[in-house]
Full PDB file with SEQRES, HELIX, SHEET, SSBOND, CRYST1, ORIGX, SCALE, CONECT and MASTER records, all heavy atoms in Angstrom:
SEQRES   1 A   43  PHE ALA GLU LYS GLU ILE ALA PRO VAL ALA GLY GLN TYR          
SEQRES   2 A   43  ASP GLU LYS ASP GLU PHE PRO THR GLU ILE ILE ARG LYS          
SEQRES   3 A   43  LEU HIS GLU VAL GLY LEU LEU THR ILE GLY VAL PRO GLU          
SEQRES   4 A   43  GLU TYR GLY GLY                                              
HELIX    1 AA1 ALA A    2  ILE A    6  3                                   5    
HELIX    2 AA2 ALA A    7  LYS A   16  1                                  10    
HELIX    3 AA3 THR A   21  GLU A   29  1                                   9    
HELIX    4 AA4 GLU A   39  TYR A   41  5                                   3    
CRYST1    1.000    1.000    1.000  90.00  90.00  90.00 P 1           1          
ORIGX1      1.000000  0.000000  0.000000        0.00000                         
ORIGX2      0.000000  1.000000  0.000000        0.00000                         
ORIGX3      0.000000  0.000000  1.000000        0.00000                         
SCALE1      1.000000  0.000000  0.000000        0.00000                         
SCALE2      0.000000  1.000000  0.000000        0.00000                         
SCALE3      0.000000  0.000000  1.000000        0.00000                         
ATOM      1  N   PHE A   1    -108.617-172.435 142.902  1.00  0.00           N  
ATOM      2  CA  PHE A   1    -107.299-172.700 143.477  1.00  0.00           C  
ATOM      3  C   PHE A   1    -107.355-173.927 144.372  1.00  0.00           C  
ATOM      4  O   PHE A   1    -106.461-174.789 144.326  1.00  0.00           O  
ATOM      5  CB  PHE A   1    -106.822-171.488 144.274  1.00  0.00           C  
ATOM      6  CG  PHE A   1    -105.397-171.605 144.753  1.00  0.00           C  
ATOM      7  CD1 PHE A   1    -104.352-171.091 144.000  1.00  0.00           C  
ATOM      8  CD2 PHE A   1    -105.096-172.255 145.947  1.00  0.00           C  
ATOM      9  CE1 PHE A   1    -103.036-171.214 144.429  1.00  0.00           C  
ATOM     10  CE2 PHE A   1    -103.784-172.386 146.379  1.00  0.00           C  
ATOM     11  CZ  PHE A   1    -102.747-171.862 145.620  1.00  0.00           C  
ATOM     12  N   ALA A   2    -108.404-174.036 145.180  1.00  0.00           N  
ATOM     13  CA  ALA A   2    -108.542-175.175 146.086  1.00  0.00           C  
ATOM     14  C   ALA A   2    -108.635-176.482 145.322  1.00  0.00           C  
ATOM     15  O   ALA A   2    -108.021-177.490 145.698  1.00  0.00           O  
ATOM     16  CB  ALA A   2    -109.764-174.991 146.975  1.00  0.00           C  
ATOM     17  N   GLU A   3    -109.393-176.471 144.244  1.00  0.00           N  
ATOM     18  CA  GLU A   3    -109.603-177.691 143.452  1.00  0.00           C  
ATOM     19  C   GLU A   3    -108.362-178.079 142.660  1.00  0.00           C  
ATOM     20  O   GLU A   3    -108.070-179.272 142.509  1.00  0.00           O  
ATOM     21  CB  GLU A   3    -110.788-177.504 142.510  1.00  0.00           C  
ATOM     22  CG  GLU A   3    -112.140-177.440 143.222  1.00  0.00           C  
ATOM     23  CD  GLU A   3    -113.293-177.249 142.269  1.00  0.00           C  
ATOM     24  OE1 GLU A   3    -113.083-176.692 141.158  1.00  0.00           O  
ATOM     25  OE2 GLU A   3    -114.426-177.637 142.621  1.00  0.00           O  
ATOM     26  N   LYS A   4    -107.641-177.080 142.136  1.00  0.00           N  
ATOM     27  CA  LYS A   4    -106.508-177.364 141.254  1.00  0.00           C  
ATOM     28  C   LYS A   4    -105.180-177.502 141.999  1.00  0.00           C  
ATOM     29  O   LYS A   4    -104.329-178.330 141.627  1.00  0.00           O  
ATOM     30  CB  LYS A   4    -106.376-176.256 140.197  1.00  0.00           C  
ATOM     31  CG  LYS A   4    -107.603-176.062 139.330  1.00  0.00           C  
ATOM     32  CD  LYS A   4    -107.875-177.261 138.441  1.00  0.00           C  
ATOM     33  CE  LYS A   4    -109.046-176.988 137.501  1.00  0.00           C  
ATOM     34  NZ  LYS A   4    -109.380-178.174 136.673  1.00  0.00           N  
ATOM     35  N   GLU A   5    -104.983-176.686 143.032  1.00  0.00           N  
ATOM     36  CA  GLU A   5    -103.668-176.601 143.677  1.00  0.00           C  
ATOM     37  C   GLU A   5    -103.601-177.261 145.052  1.00  0.00           C  
ATOM     38  O   GLU A   5    -102.528-177.725 145.452  1.00  0.00           O  
ATOM     39  CB  GLU A   5    -103.248-175.123 143.808  1.00  0.00           C  
ATOM     40  CG  GLU A   5    -103.164-174.356 142.500  1.00  0.00           C  
ATOM     41  CD  GLU A   5    -101.999-174.786 141.632  1.00  0.00           C  
ATOM     42  OE1 GLU A   5    -101.092-175.490 142.136  1.00  0.00           O  
ATOM     43  OE2 GLU A   5    -101.987-174.422 140.444  1.00  0.00           O  
ATOM     44  N   ILE A   6    -104.721-177.287 145.777  1.00  0.00           N  
ATOM     45  CA  ILE A   6    -104.674-177.782 147.156  1.00  0.00           C  
ATOM     46  C   ILE A   6    -105.168-179.214 147.276  1.00  0.00           C  
ATOM     47  O   ILE A   6    -104.438-180.104 147.744  1.00  0.00           O  
ATOM     48  CB  ILE A   6    -105.485-176.866 148.104  1.00  0.00           C  
ATOM     49  CG1 ILE A   6    -104.966-175.428 148.047  1.00  0.00           C  
ATOM     50  CG2 ILE A   6    -105.399-177.401 149.532  1.00  0.00           C  
ATOM     51  CD1 ILE A   6    -105.759-174.446 148.904  1.00  0.00           C  
ATOM     52  N   ALA A   7    -106.412-179.454 146.873  1.00  0.00           N  
ATOM     53  CA  ALA A   7    -107.039-180.768 147.092  1.00  0.00           C  
ATOM     54  C   ALA A   7    -106.240-181.938 146.510  1.00  0.00           C  
ATOM     55  O   ALA A   7    -106.121-182.989 147.162  1.00  0.00           O  
ATOM     56  CB  ALA A   7    -108.461-180.762 146.540  1.00  0.00           C  
ATOM     57  N   PRO A   8    -105.680-181.810 145.304  1.00  0.00           N  
ATOM     58  CA  PRO A   8    -104.968-182.971 144.734  1.00  0.00           C  
ATOM     59  C   PRO A   8    -103.744-183.422 145.534  1.00  0.00           C  
ATOM     60  O   PRO A   8    -103.337-184.585 145.434  1.00  0.00           O  
ATOM     61  CB  PRO A   8    -104.553-182.471 143.332  1.00  0.00           C  
ATOM     62  CG  PRO A   8    -105.523-181.387 142.997  1.00  0.00           C  
ATOM     63  CD  PRO A   8    -105.779-180.715 144.309  1.00  0.00           C  
ATOM     64  N   VAL A   9    -103.144-182.513 146.319  1.00  0.00           N  
ATOM     65  CA  VAL A   9    -101.919-182.869 147.046  1.00  0.00           C  
ATOM     66  C   VAL A   9    -102.102-182.844 148.559  1.00  0.00           C  
ATOM     67  O   VAL A   9    -101.177-183.176 149.304  1.00  0.00           O  
ATOM     68  CB  VAL A   9    -100.750-181.930 146.650  1.00  0.00           C  
ATOM     69  CG1 VAL A   9    -100.403-182.100 145.180  1.00  0.00           C  
ATOM     70  CG2 VAL A   9    -101.089-180.468 146.966  1.00  0.00           C  
ATOM     71  N   ALA A  10    -103.293-182.454 149.024  1.00  0.00           N  
ATOM     72  CA  ALA A  10    -103.519-182.319 150.468  1.00  0.00           C  
ATOM     73  C   ALA A  10    -103.279-183.629 151.201  1.00  0.00           C  
ATOM     74  O   ALA A  10    -102.701-183.642 152.298  1.00  0.00           O  
ATOM     75  CB  ALA A  10    -104.937-181.807 150.732  1.00  0.00           C  
ATOM     76  N   GLY A  11    -103.716-184.726 150.615  1.00  0.00           N  
ATOM     77  CA  GLY A  11    -103.535-186.028 151.251  1.00  0.00           C  
ATOM     78  C   GLY A  11    -102.071-186.403 151.412  1.00  0.00           C  
ATOM     79  O   GLY A  11    -101.683-187.007 152.423  1.00  0.00           O  
ATOM     80  N   GLN A  12    -101.245-186.030 150.425  1.00  0.00           N  
ATOM     81  CA  GLN A  12     -99.814-186.335 150.504  1.00  0.00           C  
ATOM     82  C   GLN A  12     -99.145-185.543 151.623  1.00  0.00           C  
ATOM     83  O   GLN A  12     -98.339-186.084 152.398  1.00  0.00           O  
ATOM     84  CB  GLN A  12     -99.147-186.013 149.164  1.00  0.00           C  
ATOM     85  CG  GLN A  12     -99.695-186.811 147.987  1.00  0.00           C  
ATOM     86  CD  GLN A  12     -99.192-186.278 146.651  1.00  0.00           C  
ATOM     87  OE1 GLN A  12     -98.086-185.747 146.562  1.00  0.00           O  
ATOM     88  NE2 GLN A  12    -100.010-186.418 145.607  1.00  0.00           N  
ATOM     89  N   TYR A  13     -99.482-184.255 151.708  1.00  0.00           N  
ATOM     90  CA  TYR A  13     -98.921-183.434 152.787  1.00  0.00           C  
ATOM     91  C   TYR A  13     -99.395-183.953 154.143  1.00  0.00           C  
ATOM     92  O   TYR A  13     -98.635-183.971 155.111  1.00  0.00           O  
ATOM     93  CB  TYR A  13     -99.346-181.977 152.615  1.00  0.00           C  
ATOM     94  CG  TYR A  13     -98.543-181.207 151.585  1.00  0.00           C  
ATOM     95  CD1 TYR A  13     -99.110-180.805 150.373  1.00  0.00           C  
ATOM     96  CD2 TYR A  13     -97.217-180.854 151.839  1.00  0.00           C  
ATOM     97  CE1 TYR A  13     -98.379-180.088 149.436  1.00  0.00           C  
ATOM     98  CE2 TYR A  13     -96.477-180.134 150.903  1.00  0.00           C  
ATOM     99  CZ  TYR A  13     -97.068-179.756 149.710  1.00  0.00           C  
ATOM    100  OH  TYR A  13     -96.326-179.047 148.783  1.00  0.00           O  
ATOM    101  N   ASP A  14    -100.657-184.354 154.203  1.00  0.00           N  
ATOM    102  CA  ASP A  14    -101.225-184.882 155.447  1.00  0.00           C  
ATOM    103  C   ASP A  14    -100.484-186.151 155.874  1.00  0.00           C  
ATOM    104  O   ASP A  14    -100.112-186.305 157.044  1.00  0.00           O  
ATOM    105  CB  ASP A  14    -102.713-185.179 155.247  1.00  0.00           C  
ATOM    106  CG  ASP A  14    -103.344-185.873 156.442  1.00  0.00           C  
ATOM    107  OD1 ASP A  14    -103.741-185.184 157.388  1.00  0.00           O  
ATOM    108  OD2 ASP A  14    -103.455-187.119 156.413  1.00  0.00           O  
ATOM    109  N   GLU A  15    -100.255-187.040 154.931  1.00  0.00           N  
ATOM    110  CA  GLU A  15     -99.591-188.314 155.220  1.00  0.00           C  
ATOM    111  C   GLU A  15     -98.165-188.081 155.724  1.00  0.00           C  
ATOM    112  O   GLU A  15     -97.698-188.758 156.653  1.00  0.00           O  
ATOM    113  CB  GLU A  15     -99.567-189.182 153.963  1.00  0.00           C  
ATOM    114  CG  GLU A  15     -99.051-190.591 154.184  1.00  0.00           C  
ATOM    115  CD  GLU A  15    -100.048-191.488 154.891  1.00  0.00           C  
ATOM    116  OE1 GLU A  15    -101.252-191.156 154.906  1.00  0.00           O  
ATOM    117  OE2 GLU A  15     -99.617-192.524 155.433  1.00  0.00           O  
ATOM    118  N   LYS A  16     -97.493-187.099 155.136  1.00  0.00           N  
ATOM    119  CA  LYS A  16     -96.107-186.800 155.521  1.00  0.00           C  
ATOM    120  C   LYS A  16     -96.011-185.879 156.733  1.00  0.00           C  
ATOM    121  O   LYS A  16     -94.919-185.643 157.244  1.00  0.00           O  
ATOM    122  CB  LYS A  16     -95.371-186.148 154.345  1.00  0.00           C  
ATOM    123  CG  LYS A  16     -95.234-187.036 153.119  1.00  0.00           C  
ATOM    124  CD  LYS A  16     -94.585-186.258 151.979  1.00  0.00           C  
ATOM    125  CE  LYS A  16     -94.479-187.087 150.716  1.00  0.00           C  
ATOM    126  NZ  LYS A  16     -93.906-186.288 149.588  1.00  0.00           N  
ATOM    127  N   ASP A  17     -97.155-185.341 157.174  1.00  0.00           N  
ATOM    128  CA  ASP A  17     -97.176-184.365 158.264  1.00  0.00           C  
ATOM    129  C   ASP A  17     -96.258-183.198 157.919  1.00  0.00           C  
ATOM    130  O   ASP A  17     -95.417-182.765 158.707  1.00  0.00           O  
ATOM    131  CB  ASP A  17     -96.749-185.019 159.587  1.00  0.00           C  
ATOM    132  CG  ASP A  17     -97.044-184.140 160.791  1.00  0.00           C  
ATOM    133  OD1 ASP A  17     -97.884-183.233 160.670  1.00  0.00           O  
ATOM    134  OD2 ASP A  17     -96.426-184.356 161.853  1.00  0.00           O  
ATOM    135  N   GLU A  18     -96.450-182.673 156.703  1.00  0.00           N  
ATOM    136  CA  GLU A  18     -95.528-181.672 156.138  1.00  0.00           C  
ATOM    137  C   GLU A  18     -96.243-180.355 155.887  1.00  0.00           C  
ATOM    138  O   GLU A  18     -97.382-180.333 155.395  1.00  0.00           O  
ATOM    139  CB  GLU A  18     -94.953-182.217 154.826  1.00  0.00           C  
ATOM    140  CG  GLU A  18     -93.961-181.310 154.140  1.00  0.00           C  
ATOM    141  CD  GLU A  18     -93.446-181.909 152.835  1.00  0.00           C  
ATOM    142  OE1 GLU A  18     -93.523-183.141 152.674  1.00  0.00           O  
ATOM    143  OE2 GLU A  18     -92.986-181.144 151.979  1.00  0.00           O  
ATOM    144  N   PHE A  19     -95.583-179.251 156.203  1.00  0.00           N  
ATOM    145  CA  PHE A  19     -96.137-177.929 155.938  1.00  0.00           C  
ATOM    146  C   PHE A  19     -96.070-177.646 154.434  1.00  0.00           C  
ATOM    147  O   PHE A  19     -95.012-177.812 153.813  1.00  0.00           O  
ATOM    148  CB  PHE A  19     -95.355-176.860 156.694  1.00  0.00           C  
ATOM    149  CG  PHE A  19     -95.921-175.479 156.544  1.00  0.00           C  
ATOM    150  CD1 PHE A  19     -97.062-175.100 157.234  1.00  0.00           C  
ATOM    151  CD2 PHE A  19     -95.314-174.550 155.705  1.00  0.00           C  
ATOM    152  CE1 PHE A  19     -97.585-173.815 157.097  1.00  0.00           C  
ATOM    153  CE2 PHE A  19     -95.825-173.276 155.552  1.00  0.00           C  
ATOM    154  CZ  PHE A  19     -96.970-172.906 156.250  1.00  0.00           C  
ATOM    155  N   PRO A  20     -97.178-177.198 153.817  1.00  0.00           N  
ATOM    156  CA  PRO A  20     -97.219-177.023 152.356  1.00  0.00           C  
ATOM    157  C   PRO A  20     -96.636-175.685 151.898  1.00  0.00           C  
ATOM    158  O   PRO A  20     -97.352-174.798 151.426  1.00  0.00           O  
ATOM    159  CB  PRO A  20     -98.715-177.110 152.052  1.00  0.00           C  
ATOM    160  CG  PRO A  20     -99.369-176.536 153.266  1.00  0.00           C  
ATOM    161  CD  PRO A  20     -98.500-176.944 154.433  1.00  0.00           C  
ATOM    162  N   THR A  21     -95.343-175.547 152.005  1.00  0.00           N  
ATOM    163  CA  THR A  21     -94.679-174.277 151.686  1.00  0.00           C  
ATOM    164  C   THR A  21     -94.994-173.799 150.279  1.00  0.00           C  
ATOM    165  O   THR A  21     -95.249-172.607 150.048  1.00  0.00           O  
ATOM    166  CB  THR A  21     -93.147-174.436 151.841  1.00  0.00           C  
ATOM    167  OG1 THR A  21     -92.857-174.859 153.179  1.00  0.00           O  
ATOM    168  CG2 THR A  21     -92.434-173.132 151.552  1.00  0.00           C  
ATOM    169  N   GLU A  22     -95.012-174.720 149.316  1.00  0.00           N  
ATOM    170  CA  GLU A  22     -95.260-174.335 147.928  1.00  0.00           C  
ATOM    171  C   GLU A  22     -96.679-173.822 147.744  1.00  0.00           C  
ATOM    172  O   GLU A  22     -96.915-172.861 147.002  1.00  0.00           O  
ATOM    173  CB  GLU A  22     -95.004-175.536 147.010  1.00  0.00           C  
ATOM    174  CG  GLU A  22     -95.146-175.239 145.518  1.00  0.00           C  
ATOM    175  CD  GLU A  22     -94.131-174.229 144.991  1.00  0.00           C  
ATOM    176  OE1 GLU A  22     -93.137-173.937 145.696  1.00  0.00           O  
ATOM    177  OE2 GLU A  22     -94.326-173.739 143.864  1.00  0.00           O  
ATOM    178  N   ILE A  23     -97.634-174.436 148.407  1.00  0.00           N  
ATOM    179  CA  ILE A  23     -99.026-173.974 148.315  1.00  0.00           C  
ATOM    180  C   ILE A  23     -99.144-172.571 148.902  1.00  0.00           C  
ATOM    181  O   ILE A  23     -99.822-171.697 148.337  1.00  0.00           O  
ATOM    182  CB  ILE A  23     -99.975-174.949 149.030  1.00  0.00           C  
ATOM    183  CG1 ILE A  23    -100.066-176.257 148.256  1.00  0.00           C  
ATOM    184  CG2 ILE A  23    -101.366-174.339 149.198  1.00  0.00           C  
ATOM    185  CD1 ILE A  23    -100.900-177.325 148.944  1.00  0.00           C  
ATOM    186  N   ILE A  24     -98.512-172.335 150.031  1.00  0.00           N  
ATOM    187  CA  ILE A  24     -98.566-171.010 150.658  1.00  0.00           C  
ATOM    188  C   ILE A  24     -97.955-169.965 149.736  1.00  0.00           C  
ATOM    189  O   ILE A  24     -98.467-168.849 149.597  1.00  0.00           O  
ATOM    190  CB  ILE A  24     -97.848-171.028 152.024  1.00  0.00           C  
ATOM    191  CG1 ILE A  24     -98.540-172.005 152.980  1.00  0.00           C  
ATOM    192  CG2 ILE A  24     -97.809-169.632 152.629  1.00  0.00           C  
ATOM    193  CD1 ILE A  24    -100.009-171.728 153.218  1.00  0.00           C  
ATOM    194  N   ARG A  25     -96.852-170.319 149.087  1.00  0.00           N  
ATOM    195  CA  ARG A  25     -96.228-169.384 148.132  1.00  0.00           C  
ATOM    196  C   ARG A  25     -97.180-169.049 146.997  1.00  0.00           C  
ATOM    197  O   ARG A  25     -97.327-167.877 146.616  1.00  0.00           O  
ATOM    198  CB  ARG A  25     -94.940-169.998 147.572  1.00  0.00           C  
ATOM    199  CG  ARG A  25     -94.162-169.062 146.639  1.00  0.00           C  
ATOM    200  CD  ARG A  25     -93.002-169.779 145.973  1.00  0.00           C  
ATOM    201  NE  ARG A  25     -93.457-170.827 145.067  1.00  0.00           N  
ATOM    202  CZ  ARG A  25     -93.939-170.592 143.836  1.00  0.00           C  
ATOM    203  NH1 ARG A  25     -94.023-169.351 143.373  1.00  0.00           N  
ATOM    204  NH2 ARG A  25     -94.320-171.597 143.072  1.00  0.00           N  
ATOM    205  N   LYS A  26     -97.857-170.053 146.466  1.00  0.00           N  
ATOM    206  CA  LYS A  26     -98.806-169.827 145.368  1.00  0.00           C  
ATOM    207  C   LYS A  26    -100.017-169.021 145.824  1.00  0.00           C  
ATOM    208  O   LYS A  26    -100.543-168.191 145.079  1.00  0.00           O  
ATOM    209  CB  LYS A  26     -99.245-171.167 144.780  1.00  0.00           C  
ATOM    210  CG  LYS A  26     -98.151-171.902 144.011  1.00  0.00           C  
ATOM    211  CD  LYS A  26     -98.662-173.229 143.467  1.00  0.00           C  
ATOM    212  CE  LYS A  26     -97.591-173.963 142.682  1.00  0.00           C  
ATOM    213  NZ  LYS A  26     -98.092-175.279 142.171  1.00  0.00           N  
ATOM    214  N   LEU A  27    -100.466-169.269 147.054  1.00  0.00           N  
ATOM    215  CA  LEU A  27    -101.583-168.489 147.594  1.00  0.00           C  
ATOM    216  C   LEU A  27    -101.224-167.002 147.623  1.00  0.00           C  
ATOM    217  O   LEU A  27    -102.058-166.145 147.314  1.00  0.00           O  
ATOM    218  CB  LEU A  27    -101.932-168.966 149.003  1.00  0.00           C  
ATOM    219  CG  LEU A  27    -102.831-170.198 149.115  1.00  0.00           C  
ATOM    220  CD1 LEU A  27    -102.829-170.730 150.544  1.00  0.00           C  
ATOM    221  CD2 LEU A  27    -104.257-169.875 148.680  1.00  0.00           C  
ATOM    222  N   HIS A  28     -99.981-166.700 147.988  1.00  0.00           N  
ATOM    223  CA  HIS A  28     -99.550-165.308 148.013  1.00  0.00           C  
ATOM    224  C   HIS A  28     -99.507-164.736 146.597  1.00  0.00           C  
ATOM    225  O   HIS A  28     -99.915-163.581 146.374  1.00  0.00           O  
ATOM    226  CB  HIS A  28     -98.174-165.201 148.666  1.00  0.00           C  
ATOM    227  CG  HIS A  28     -97.673-163.786 148.785  1.00  0.00           C  
ATOM    228  ND1 HIS A  28     -98.342-162.814 149.491  1.00  0.00           N  
ATOM    229  CD2 HIS A  28     -96.572-163.181 148.264  1.00  0.00           C  
ATOM    230  CE1 HIS A  28     -97.690-161.681 149.413  1.00  0.00           C  
ATOM    231  NE2 HIS A  28     -96.609-161.871 148.670  1.00  0.00           N  
ATOM    232  N   GLU A  29     -99.061-165.527 145.650  1.00  0.00           N  
ATOM    233  CA  GLU A  29     -98.961-165.069 144.257  1.00  0.00           C  
ATOM    234  C   GLU A  29    -100.318-164.669 143.693  1.00  0.00           C  
ATOM    235  O   GLU A  29    -100.417-163.708 142.926  1.00  0.00           O  
ATOM    236  CB  GLU A  29     -98.343-166.163 143.378  1.00  0.00           C  
ATOM    237  CG  GLU A  29     -96.842-166.350 143.568  1.00  0.00           C  
ATOM    238  CD  GLU A  29     -96.281-167.422 142.645  1.00  0.00           C  
ATOM    239  OE1 GLU A  29     -97.082-168.087 141.954  1.00  0.00           O  
ATOM    240  OE2 GLU A  29     -95.048-167.592 142.627  1.00  0.00           O  
ATOM    241  N   VAL A  30    -101.363-165.413 144.059  1.00  0.00           N  
ATOM    242  CA  VAL A  30    -102.702-165.126 143.500  1.00  0.00           C  
ATOM    243  C   VAL A  30    -103.500-164.190 144.405  1.00  0.00           C  
ATOM    244  O   VAL A  30    -104.676-163.920 144.124  1.00  0.00           O  
ATOM    245  CB  VAL A  30    -103.490-166.422 143.244  1.00  0.00           C  
ATOM    246  CG1 VAL A  30    -102.775-167.297 142.226  1.00  0.00           C  
ATOM    247  CG2 VAL A  30    -103.739-167.201 144.537  1.00  0.00           C  
ATOM    248  N   GLY A  31    -102.903-163.686 145.485  1.00  0.00           N  
ATOM    249  CA  GLY A  31    -103.568-162.701 146.317  1.00  0.00           C  
ATOM    250  C   GLY A  31    -104.513-163.257 147.355  1.00  0.00           C  
ATOM    251  O   GLY A  31    -105.367-162.517 147.876  1.00  0.00           O  
ATOM    252  N   LEU A  32    -104.370-164.540 147.701  1.00  0.00           N  
ATOM    253  CA  LEU A  32    -105.277-165.155 148.667  1.00  0.00           C  
ATOM    254  C   LEU A  32    -104.648-165.327 150.051  1.00  0.00           C  
ATOM    255  O   LEU A  32    -105.307-165.831 150.965  1.00  0.00           O  
ATOM    256  CB  LEU A  32    -105.751-166.523 148.160  1.00  0.00           C  
ATOM    257  CG  LEU A  32    -106.608-166.512 146.895  1.00  0.00           C  
ATOM    258  CD1 LEU A  32    -106.905-167.932 146.436  1.00  0.00           C  
ATOM    259  CD2 LEU A  32    -107.905-165.741 147.127  1.00  0.00           C  
ATOM    260  N   LEU A  33    -103.410-164.894 150.210  1.00  0.00           N  
ATOM    261  CA  LEU A  33    -102.747-165.064 151.502  1.00  0.00           C  
ATOM    262  C   LEU A  33    -102.912-163.843 152.399  1.00  0.00           C  
ATOM    263  O   LEU A  33    -102.769-163.939 153.610  1.00  0.00           O  
ATOM    264  CB  LEU A  33    -101.250-165.352 151.295  1.00  0.00           C  
ATOM    265  CG  LEU A  33    -100.467-165.815 152.530  1.00  0.00           C  
ATOM    266  CD1 LEU A  33    -101.012-167.130 153.070  1.00  0.00           C  
ATOM    267  CD2 LEU A  33     -98.984-165.956 152.198  1.00  0.00           C  
ATOM    268  N   THR A  34    -103.243-162.701 151.806  1.00  0.00           N  
ATOM    269  CA  THR A  34    -103.328-161.442 152.570  1.00  0.00           C  
ATOM    270  C   THR A  34    -104.760-160.928 152.628  1.00  0.00           C  
ATOM    271  O   THR A  34    -105.013-159.728 152.575  1.00  0.00           O  
ATOM    272  CB  THR A  34    -102.413-160.377 151.947  1.00  0.00           C  
ATOM    273  OG1 THR A  34    -102.745-160.230 150.558  1.00  0.00           O  
ATOM    274  CG2 THR A  34    -100.956-160.757 152.077  1.00  0.00           C  
ATOM    275  N   ILE A  35    -105.712-161.840 152.776  1.00  0.00           N  
ATOM    276  CA  ILE A  35    -107.131-161.463 152.693  1.00  0.00           C  
ATOM    277  C   ILE A  35    -107.573-160.562 153.839  1.00  0.00           C  
ATOM    278  O   ILE A  35    -108.614-159.899 153.733  1.00  0.00           O  
ATOM    279  CB  ILE A  35    -108.043-162.709 152.627  1.00  0.00           C  
ATOM    280  CG1 ILE A  35    -107.853-163.596 153.870  1.00  0.00           C  
ATOM    281  CG2 ILE A  35    -107.767-163.492 151.360  1.00  0.00           C  
ATOM    282  CD1 ILE A  35    -108.821-164.766 153.925  1.00  0.00           C  
ATOM    283  N   GLY A  36    -106.796-160.503 154.931  1.00  0.00           N  
ATOM    284  CA  GLY A  36    -107.189-159.677 156.058  1.00  0.00           C  
ATOM    285  C   GLY A  36    -106.509-158.325 156.108  1.00  0.00           C  
ATOM    286  O   GLY A  36    -106.766-157.540 157.026  1.00  0.00           O  
ATOM    287  N   VAL A  37    -105.657-158.021 155.145  1.00  0.00           N  
ATOM    288  CA  VAL A  37    -104.914-156.754 155.177  1.00  0.00           C  
ATOM    289  C   VAL A  37    -105.773-155.625 154.612  1.00  0.00           C  
ATOM    290  O   VAL A  37    -106.246-155.711 153.473  1.00  0.00           O  
ATOM    291  CB  VAL A  37    -103.599-156.859 154.381  1.00  0.00           C  
ATOM    292  CG1 VAL A  37    -102.828-155.539 154.443  1.00  0.00           C  
ATOM    293  CG2 VAL A  37    -102.740-158.001 154.914  1.00  0.00           C  
ATOM    294  N   PRO A  38    -105.994-154.550 155.383  1.00  0.00           N  
ATOM    295  CA  PRO A  38    -106.798-153.428 154.885  1.00  0.00           C  
ATOM    296  C   PRO A  38    -106.139-152.745 153.681  1.00  0.00           C  
ATOM    297  O   PRO A  38    -104.920-152.782 153.516  1.00  0.00           O  
ATOM    298  CB  PRO A  38    -106.842-152.475 156.087  1.00  0.00           C  
ATOM    299  CG  PRO A  38    -106.545-153.334 157.284  1.00  0.00           C  
ATOM    300  CD  PRO A  38    -105.581-154.365 156.789  1.00  0.00           C  
ATOM    301  N   GLU A  39    -106.964-152.115 152.880  1.00  0.00           N  
ATOM    302  CA  GLU A  39    -106.477-151.462 151.661  1.00  0.00           C  
ATOM    303  C   GLU A  39    -105.469-150.361 151.977  1.00  0.00           C  
ATOM    304  O   GLU A  39    -104.469-150.194 151.266  1.00  0.00           O  
ATOM    305  CB  GLU A  39    -107.655-150.879 150.881  1.00  0.00           C  
ATOM    306  CG  GLU A  39    -107.291-150.333 149.522  1.00  0.00           C  
ATOM    307  CD  GLU A  39    -108.502-149.893 148.728  1.00  0.00           C  
ATOM    308  OE1 GLU A  39    -109.592-149.800 149.319  1.00  0.00           O  
ATOM    309  OE2 GLU A  39    -108.366-149.638 147.512  1.00  0.00           O  
ATOM    310  N   GLU A  40    -105.696-149.613 153.067  1.00  0.00           N  
ATOM    311  CA  GLU A  40    -104.794-148.501 153.385  1.00  0.00           C  
ATOM    312  C   GLU A  40    -103.417-148.967 153.822  1.00  0.00           C  
ATOM    313  O   GLU A  40    -102.480-148.163 153.903  1.00  0.00           O  
ATOM    314  CB  GLU A  40    -105.409-147.602 154.464  1.00  0.00           C  
ATOM    315  CG  GLU A  40    -105.706-148.278 155.782  1.00  0.00           C  
ATOM    316  CD  GLU A  40    -107.152-148.787 155.864  1.00  0.00           C  
ATOM    317  OE1 GLU A  40    -107.680-149.250 154.835  1.00  0.00           O  
ATOM    318  OE2 GLU A  40    -107.727-148.708 156.963  1.00  0.00           O  
ATOM    319  N   TYR A  41    -103.271-150.269 154.070  1.00  0.00           N  
ATOM    320  CA  TYR A  41    -101.965-150.822 154.439  1.00  0.00           C  
ATOM    321  C   TYR A  41    -101.432-151.782 153.382  1.00  0.00           C  
ATOM    322  O   TYR A  41    -100.629-152.661 153.672  1.00  0.00           O  
ATOM    323  CB  TYR A  41    -102.050-151.499 155.809  1.00  0.00           C  
ATOM    324  CG  TYR A  41    -102.387-150.518 156.904  1.00  0.00           C  
ATOM    325  CD1 TYR A  41    -103.663-150.472 157.448  1.00  0.00           C  
ATOM    326  CD2 TYR A  41    -101.442-149.596 157.358  1.00  0.00           C  
ATOM    327  CE1 TYR A  41    -103.994-149.549 158.437  1.00  0.00           C  
ATOM    328  CE2 TYR A  41    -101.759-148.660 158.337  1.00  0.00           C  
ATOM    329  CZ  TYR A  41    -103.038-148.644 158.874  1.00  0.00           C  
ATOM    330  OH  TYR A  41    -103.359-147.716 159.838  1.00  0.00           O  
ATOM    331  N   GLY A  42    -101.895-151.586 152.151  1.00  0.00           N  
ATOM    332  CA  GLY A  42    -101.348-152.325 151.022  1.00  0.00           C  
ATOM    333  C   GLY A  42    -102.035-153.632 150.689  1.00  0.00           C  
ATOM    334  O   GLY A  42    -101.561-154.385 149.837  1.00  0.00           O  
ATOM    335  N   GLY A  43    -103.150-153.925 151.359  1.00  0.00           N  
ATOM    336  CA  GLY A  43    -103.856-155.173 151.115  1.00  0.00           C  
ATOM    337  C   GLY A  43    -105.056-155.003 150.212  1.00  0.00           C  
ATOM    338  O   GLY A  43    -105.321-153.910 149.707  1.00  0.00           O  
TER     339      GLY A  43                                                      
MASTER        0    0    0    4    0    0    0    6  338    1    0    4          
END                                                                             
C-alpha cells in the first residue's frame, strides 16, 4: 500500500501542505486505519 498508494503522491501532498483525505479513506478500506482497535471492540 505504501509503495503503490502513498509514496507516488506523498511529494505532491507535501508541496501543497494538504491532508491526504483519499489516502486515509483507502487505508480504512484495506483495514490499515484501525490497527489499534481490540478485537472485542470490532477491530
